């Protein structure tokens, strides 16, 4: 009895752009790291949302628990912070 070979065709991958994530101008020069330390990964990932607000990650924050910050795109002021538990490294995978 002969074994039949299976032929697989490559699958196509389609990528859909969700939103334009570019910032053309800003009214401030930099975003402030509110928790500076000797070892920080603040700015590991920086994404401008369609609203103009900016998301910044710091996976090394507080014993590698990680933090994700939402800043105003107009003023650069902090709007909100999301932190993880120890060693979760919130924000290490970027912003999706």
C-alpha atoms as a PDB file:
ATOM      1  CA  UNK A   1       0.000   0.000   0.000  1.00  0.00           C
ATOM      2  CA  UNK A   2       1.310   3.382  -0.973  1.00  0.00           C
ATOM      3  CA  UNK A   3       1.185   6.390   1.320  1.00  0.00           C
ATOM      4  CA  UNK A   4      -0.386   9.458  -0.217  1.00  0.00           C
ATOM      5  CA  UNK A   5       1.450  12.724   0.134  1.00  0.00           C
ATOM      6  CA  UNK A   6      -0.602  15.638   1.254  1.00  0.00           C
ATOM      7  CA  UNK A   7       0.120  18.899  -0.467  1.00  0.00           C
ATOM      8  CA  UNK A   8      -0.591  22.037   1.486  1.00  0.00           C
ATOM      9  CA  UNK A   9      -0.911  25.378  -0.146  1.00  0.00           C
ATOM     10  CA  UNK A  10       0.414  28.394   1.715  1.00  0.00           C
ATOM     11  CA  UNK A  11      -2.295  30.398   3.402  1.00  0.00           C
ATOM     12  CA  UNK A  12      -2.547  34.094   2.785  1.00  0.00           C
ATOM     13  CA  UNK A  13      -2.362  36.520   5.651  1.00  0.00           C
ATOM     14  CA  UNK A  14      -4.382  39.688   5.558  1.00  0.00           C
ATOM     15  CA  UNK A  15      -3.603  42.611   7.823  1.00  0.00           C
ATOM     16  CA  UNK A  16      -6.245  45.182   8.589  1.00  0.00           C
ATOM     17  CA  UNK A  17      -5.126  48.616   9.721  1.00  0.00           C
ATOM     18  CA  UNK A  18      -7.273  49.595  12.691  1.00  0.00           C
ATOM     19  CA  UNK A  19      -6.373  53.249  12.979  1.00  0.00           C
ATOM     20  CA  UNK A  20      -3.740  55.736  11.892  1.00  0.00           C
ATOM     21  CA  UNK A  21      -1.247  55.921  14.758  1.00  0.00           C
ATOM     22  CA  UNK A  22       0.824  58.939  13.810  1.00  0.00           C
ATOM     23  CA  UNK A  23       1.273  62.179  15.680  1.00  0.00           C
ATOM     24  CA  UNK A  24       2.075  65.112  13.461  1.00  0.00           C
ATOM     25  CA  UNK A  25       2.601  67.813  16.078  1.00  0.00           C
ATOM     26  CA  UNK A  26       2.612  68.100  19.865  1.00  0.00           C
ATOM     27  CA  UNK A  27       2.248  71.086  22.180  1.00  0.00           C
ATOM     28  CA  UNK A  28       4.822  69.666  24.641  1.00  0.00           C
ATOM     29  CA  UNK A  29       8.424  68.514  24.344  1.00  0.00           C
ATOM     30  CA  UNK A  30       8.391  65.262  26.348  1.00  0.00           C
ATOM     31  CA  UNK A  31       6.285  62.970  28.521  1.00  0.00           C
ATOM     32  CA  UNK A  32       7.276  62.802  32.182  1.00  0.00           C
ATOM     33  CA  UNK A  33       8.185  59.506  33.828  1.00  0.00           C
ATOM     34  CA  UNK A  34       6.401  59.899  37.164  1.00  0.00           C
ATOM     35  CA  UNK A  35       8.280  56.934  38.687  1.00  0.00           C
ATOM     36  CA  UNK A  36      11.920  57.373  37.667  1.00  0.00           C
ATOM     37  CA  UNK A  37      14.406  54.795  38.947  1.00  0.00           C
ATOM     38  CA  UNK A  38      17.925  53.591  38.223  1.00  0.00           C
ATOM     39  CA  UNK A  39      16.499  50.866  36.023  1.00  0.00           C
ATOM     40  CA  UNK A  40      13.473  51.826  33.994  1.00  0.00           C
ATOM     41  CA  UNK A  41      11.991  50.813  30.684  1.00  0.00           C
ATOM     42  CA  UNK A  42       9.693  53.845  30.418  1.00  0.00           C
ATOM     43  CA  UNK A  43       8.893  54.353  26.753  1.00  0.00           C
ATOM     44  CA  UNK A  44       9.344  50.666  25.851  1.00  0.00           C
ATOM     45  CA  UNK A  45       6.352  51.165  23.563  1.00  0.00           C
ATOM     46  CA  UNK A  46       4.787  54.504  22.613  1.00  0.00           C
ATOM     47  CA  UNK A  47       1.585  54.694  20.565  1.00  0.00           C
ATOM     48  CA  UNK A  48      -0.509  57.684  19.551  1.00  0.00           C
ATOM     49  CA  UNK A  49      -4.224  56.861  19.490  1.00  0.00           C
ATOM     50  CA  UNK A  50      -6.718  58.203  16.963  1.00  0.00           C
ATOM     51  CA  UNK A  51      -7.948  60.573  19.707  1.00  0.00           C
ATOM     52  CA  UNK A  52      -4.496  62.152  19.863  1.00  0.00           C
ATOM     53  CA  UNK A  53      -3.814  60.719  23.326  1.00  0.00           C
ATOM     54  CA  UNK A  54      -0.583  58.790  23.862  1.00  0.00           C
ATOM     55  CA  UNK A  55      -0.042  55.367  25.450  1.00  0.00           C
ATOM     56  CA  UNK A  56       3.396  54.699  26.998  1.00  0.00           C
ATOM     57  CA  UNK A  57       4.493  51.388  28.529  1.00  0.00           C
ATOM     58  CA  UNK A  58       7.067  50.600  31.224  1.00  0.00           C
ATOM     59  CA  UNK A  59       7.272  46.803  31.707  1.00  0.00           C
ATOM     60  CA  UNK A  60      10.016  47.115  34.365  1.00  0.00           C
ATOM     61  CA  UNK A  61       8.005  49.345  36.721  1.00  0.00           C
ATOM     62  CA  UNK A  62       7.811  48.190  40.388  1.00  0.00           C
ATOM     63  CA  UNK A  63       9.558  44.801  40.409  1.00  0.00           C
ATOM     64  CA  UNK A  64       8.624  44.058  36.816  1.00  0.00           C
ATOM     65  CA  UNK A  65       4.907  44.381  37.527  1.00  0.00           C
ATOM     66  CA  UNK A  66       4.780  46.823  34.635  1.00  0.00           C
ATOM     67  CA  UNK A  67       2.739  49.922  33.959  1.00  0.00           C
ATOM     68  CA  UNK A  68       0.848  51.446  31.057  1.00  0.00           C
ATOM     69  CA  UNK A  69       0.248  55.196  31.059  1.00  0.00           C
ATOM     70  CA  UNK A  70      -2.291  57.231  29.101  1.00  0.00           C
ATOM     71  CA  UNK A  71      -1.221  60.823  28.474  1.00  0.00           C
ATOM     72  CA  UNK A  72      -3.148  63.721  26.975  1.00  0.00           C
ATOM     73  CA  UNK A  73      -1.983  64.354  23.439  1.00  0.00           C
ATOM     74  CA  UNK A  74      -2.727  68.064  23.873  1.00  0.00           C
ATOM     75  CA  UNK A  75      -0.991  68.833  27.164  1.00  0.00           C
ATOM     76  CA  UNK A  76       1.190  65.798  27.916  1.00  0.00           C
ATOM     77  CA  UNK A  77      -0.522  65.415  31.305  1.00  0.00           C
ATOM     78  CA  UNK A  78      -1.138  61.953  32.739  1.00  0.00           C
ATOM     79  CA  UNK A  79      -4.767  60.835  32.338  1.00  0.00           C
ATOM     80  CA  UNK A  80      -4.631  57.284  33.691  1.00  0.00           C
ATOM     81  CA  UNK A  81      -2.282  54.500  34.838  1.00  0.00           C
ATOM     82  CA  UNK A  82      -2.688  50.727  34.683  1.00  0.00           C
ATOM     83  CA  UNK A  83      -0.299  48.554  36.732  1.00  0.00           C
ATOM     84  CA  UNK A  84       0.144  44.803  37.062  1.00  0.00           C
ATOM     85  CA  UNK A  85       1.105  42.418  39.832  1.00  0.00           C
ATOM     86  CA  UNK A  86       4.719  41.524  40.568  1.00  0.00           C
ATOM     87  CA  UNK A  87       6.535  40.112  37.526  1.00  0.00           C
ATOM     88  CA  UNK A  88       3.534  40.435  35.163  1.00  0.00           C
ATOM     89  CA  UNK A  89       5.461  42.915  33.006  1.00  0.00           C
ATOM     90  CA  UNK A  90       2.340  44.766  31.873  1.00  0.00           C
ATOM     91  CA  UNK A  91       3.163  46.562  28.621  1.00  0.00           C
ATOM     92  CA  UNK A  92       6.025  44.268  27.591  1.00  0.00           C
ATOM     93  CA  UNK A  93       4.076  43.105  24.540  1.00  0.00           C
ATOM     94  CA  UNK A  94       3.515  46.633  23.336  1.00  0.00           C
ATOM     95  CA  UNK A  95       0.142  48.239  22.699  1.00  0.00           C
ATOM     96  CA  UNK A  96      -2.425  46.413  20.578  1.00  0.00           C
END
